Amino acid sequence: MPEQSSAVRFEQIALPHLPAAYNLARWLVRNDQDAEDVVQEAYLRAFKFFDGYRGGESRTWLLTIVRNTCYSWLQRNRSRELTDSIDETEIEASDFNNPELRLVQDADAQMVRAALAELPLEFREVTVMRELEELSYKEIAMIADLPIGTVMSRLARGRKRLHALLVTRMGGVS
């Protein structure tokens, strides 16, 4: 019986964060099916070690496991992405009744997603966690096991690169 209550408790704690877990994995491994596999593996790991979970922010706990599982998966399957180094030198409410406006917004969203996918992994992960998952700097630092200053630096540099990529794609000047 305690086995069942543990499973029920795990579901209550972990399942609400499934969309965030998938979103993070999708941006880190850059493939829908691989992200599904990674999230499944991460949830299995989380369940296996659930007895060690002592409460606290369940989203942070779970996304840490997802992130670590992504990096393990990348190491096994795409080690080149992990060794690509970072170059150190370097909307208002929509009118849904306007199909032309929707088309432009969809194109803009696709351009942003494509540019985000081009960011180096270190920048992409903090940008996704902050901008898409709306995690705090402190939460990102805990998940990524980084000092908060490093999180802020990577986020600033990631945003700068994202901006440059978007300006280039639009053929404009910033």
Protein backbone atom coordinates (compact mmCIF):
# COMPACT_ATOMS: atom_id res chain seq x y z
CA MET A 1 0.00 0.00 0.00
CA PRO A 2 2.77 2.56 0.69
CA GLU A 3 4.02 1.82 -2.84
CA GLN A 4 0.69 3.01 -4.26
CA SER A 5 0.57 6.17 -2.16
CA SER A 6 4.12 7.00 -3.26
CA ALA A 7 3.10 6.62 -6.91
CA VAL A 8 0.03 8.78 -6.39
CA ARG A 9 2.10 11.43 -4.60
CA PHE A 10 4.68 11.35 -7.40
CA GLU A 11 1.94 11.87 -10.00
CA GLN A 12 0.53 14.80 -8.04
CA ILE A 13 3.95 16.43 -7.77
CA ALA A 14 5.51 15.61 -11.15
CA LEU A 15 2.73 15.46 -13.74
CA PRO A 16 1.77 19.17 -13.58
CA HIS A 17 5.30 19.98 -14.76
CA LEU A 18 5.23 17.67 -17.79
CA PRO A 19 4.74 20.51 -20.32
CA ALA A 20 7.69 22.47 -18.87
CA ALA A 21 9.81 19.31 -18.80
CA TYR A 22 9.05 18.56 -22.44
CA ASN A 23 9.62 22.18 -23.47
CA LEU A 24 13.05 22.27 -21.84
CA ALA A 25 14.04 18.89 -23.29
CA ARG A 26 12.78 19.88 -26.74
CA TRP A 27 14.94 22.99 -26.80
CA LEU A 28 18.01 21.20 -25.47
CA VAL A 29 17.94 18.12 -27.72
CA ARG A 30 16.20 19.88 -30.64
CA ASN A 31 13.98 17.01 -31.73
CA ASP A 32 10.42 16.14 -30.71
CA GLN A 33 10.85 12.37 -30.49
CA ASP A 34 14.19 12.59 -28.71
CA ALA A 35 12.66 15.07 -26.26
CA GLU A 36 9.82 12.64 -25.54
CA ASP A 37 12.36 9.87 -24.88
CA VAL A 38 14.45 12.10 -22.64
CA VAL A 39 11.43 13.26 -20.64
CA GLN A 40 10.28 9.67 -20.21
CA GLU A 41 13.74 8.70 -18.98
CA ALA A 42 13.85 11.73 -16.68
CA TYR A 43 10.47 10.88 -15.16
CA LEU A 44 11.59 7.29 -14.62
CA ARG A 45 14.72 8.58 -12.86
CA ALA A 46 12.65 10.99 -10.80
CA PHE A 47 10.28 8.22 -9.75
CA LYS A 48 13.15 5.86 -8.94
CA PHE A 49 14.69 8.41 -6.58
CA PHE A 50 11.40 9.93 -5.40
CA ASP A 51 11.95 8.62 -1.87
CA GLY A 52 14.90 11.04 -1.68
CA TYR A 53 12.70 14.04 -2.58
CA ARG A 54 12.31 16.07 0.59
CA GLY A 55 9.80 18.64 -0.57
CA GLY A 56 10.49 22.13 -1.76
CA GLU A 57 9.96 23.47 -5.24
CA SER A 58 8.93 20.42 -7.26
CA ARG A 59 9.25 22.20 -10.60
CA THR A 60 12.89 23.07 -9.92
CA TRP A 61 13.59 19.54 -8.66
CA LEU A 62 12.04 17.94 -11.74
CA LEU A 63 13.57 20.32 -14.30
CA THR A 64 16.99 19.67 -12.76
CA ILE A 65 16.50 15.97 -13.45
CA VAL A 66 15.26 16.71 -16.98
CA ARG A 67 18.25 18.97 -17.67
CA ASN A 68 20.73 16.38 -16.37
CA THR A 69 19.01 13.65 -18.39
CA CYS A 70 19.25 15.85 -21.51
CA TYR A 71 22.96 16.34 -21.00
CA SER A 72 23.48 12.60 -20.46
CA TRP A 73 21.48 11.88 -23.60
CA LEU A 74 23.44 14.48 -25.60
CA GLN A 75 26.71 13.00 -24.35
CA ARG A 76 25.65 9.53 -25.52
CA ASN A 77 24.10 10.61 -28.82
CA ARG A 78 25.55 13.96 -29.88
CA SER A 79 28.74 14.62 -27.97
CA ARG A 80 29.75 17.29 -30.51
CA GLU A 81 27.00 19.62 -29.27
CA LEU A 82 28.46 19.47 -25.77
CA THR A 83 31.95 20.30 -26.98
CA ASP A 84 30.91 23.22 -29.19
CA SER A 85 32.27 26.04 -27.10
CA ILE A 86 30.75 29.40 -26.50
CA ASP A 87 32.48 32.13 -28.44
CA GLU A 88 33.74 34.36 -25.64
CA THR A 89 34.30 37.35 -27.99
CA GLU A 90 31.37 37.85 -28.96
CA ILE A 91 3.56 41.84 -28.38
CA GLU A 92 0.67 43.22 -27.73
CA ALA A 93 -2.75 41.42 -27.97
CA SER A 94 -3.40 40.01 -31.42
CA ASP A 95 -6.31 40.76 -33.69
CA PHE A 96 -7.27 37.15 -34.39
CA ASN A 97 -9.85 38.27 -36.94
CA ASN A 98 -7.09 39.48 -39.26
CA PRO A 99 -5.62 36.50 -41.18
CA GLU A 100 -2.84 38.64 -42.67
CA LEU A 101 -1.73 39.75 -39.19
CA ARG A 102 -1.83 36.13 -37.96
CA LEU A 103 0.32 35.04 -40.89
CA VAL A 104 2.93 37.71 -40.11
CA GLN A 105 2.90 36.78 -36.40
CA ASP A 106 3.31 33.08 -37.22
CA ALA A 107 6.25 33.89 -39.49
CA ASP A 108 7.80 36.03 -36.74
CA ALA A 109 7.36 33.24 -34.17
CA GLN A 110 8.99 30.75 -36.55
CA MET A 111 11.91 33.13 -37.08
CA VAL A 112 12.39 33.51 -33.30
CA ARG A 113 12.22 29.74 -32.75
CA ALA A 114 14.76 29.13 -35.52
CA ALA A 115 17.12 31.77 -34.12
CA LEU A 116 16.74 30.38 -30.60
CA ALA A 117 17.59 26.91 -31.90
CA GLU A 118 20.87 28.31 -33.30
CA LEU A 119 22.10 29.56 -29.93
CA PRO A 120 24.86 27.53 -28.28
CA LEU A 121 23.45 25.08 -25.75
CA GLU A 122 24.64 27.09 -22.72
CA PHE A 123 22.77 30.18 -23.89
CA ARG A 124 19.76 28.30 -25.25
CA GLU A 125 19.03 26.49 -22.00
CA VAL A 126 19.04 29.60 -19.77
CA THR A 127 17.06 31.58 -22.34
CA VAL A 128 14.41 28.84 -22.59
CA MET A 129 14.19 28.50 -18.82
CA ARG A 130 13.87 32.26 -18.29
CA GLU A 131 11.86 33.44 -21.29
CA LEU A 132 9.68 30.43 -22.07
CA GLU A 133 9.35 28.75 -18.67
CA GLU A 134 9.54 32.03 -16.73
CA LEU A 135 11.85 30.62 -14.07
CA SER A 136 13.63 33.01 -11.74
CA TYR A 137 17.40 33.46 -11.91
CA LYS A 138 17.64 31.60 -8.61
CA GLU A 139 15.64 28.65 -9.97
CA ILE A 140 17.75 28.53 -13.13
CA ALA A 141 20.93 28.63 -11.04
CA MET A 142 19.66 25.69 -8.97
CA ILE A 143 18.59 23.66 -12.01
CA ALA A 144 21.78 24.32 -14.00
CA ASP A 145 24.03 24.13 -10.93
CA LEU A 146 25.58 27.49 -11.78
CA PRO A 147 26.31 30.64 -9.80
CA ILE A 148 23.54 33.20 -10.27
CA GLY A 149 26.03 35.61 -11.85
CA THR A 150 26.84 33.03 -14.54
CA VAL A 151 23.11 32.61 -15.21
CA MET A 152 22.70 36.36 -15.60
CA SER A 153 25.78 36.60 -17.83
CA ARG A 154 24.70 33.71 -20.07
CA LEU A 155 21.19 35.11 -20.29
CA ALA A 156 22.46 38.57 -21.27
CA ARG A 157 24.84 37.11 -23.84
CA GLY A 158 22.16 34.74 -25.14
CA ARG A 159 19.71 37.60 -25.56
CA LYS A 160 22.36 39.64 -27.35
CA ARG A 161 23.11 36.77 -29.75
CA LEU A 162 19.42 36.11 -30.28
CA HIS A 163 18.92 39.77 -31.13
CA ALA A 164 21.84 39.69 -33.58
CA LEU A 165 20.48 36.54 -35.25
CA LEU A 166 17.04 38.09 -35.62
CA VAL A 167 18.45 41.32 -37.04
CA THR A 168 20.46 39.31 -39.56
CA ARG A 169 17.42 37.22 -40.51
CA MET A 170 15.35 40.36 -41.03
CA GLY A 171 18.13 41.88 -43.12
CA GLY A 172 18.17 44.97 -40.95
CA VAL A 173 20.47 46.87 -38.73
CA SER A 174 20.06 47.05 -34.97
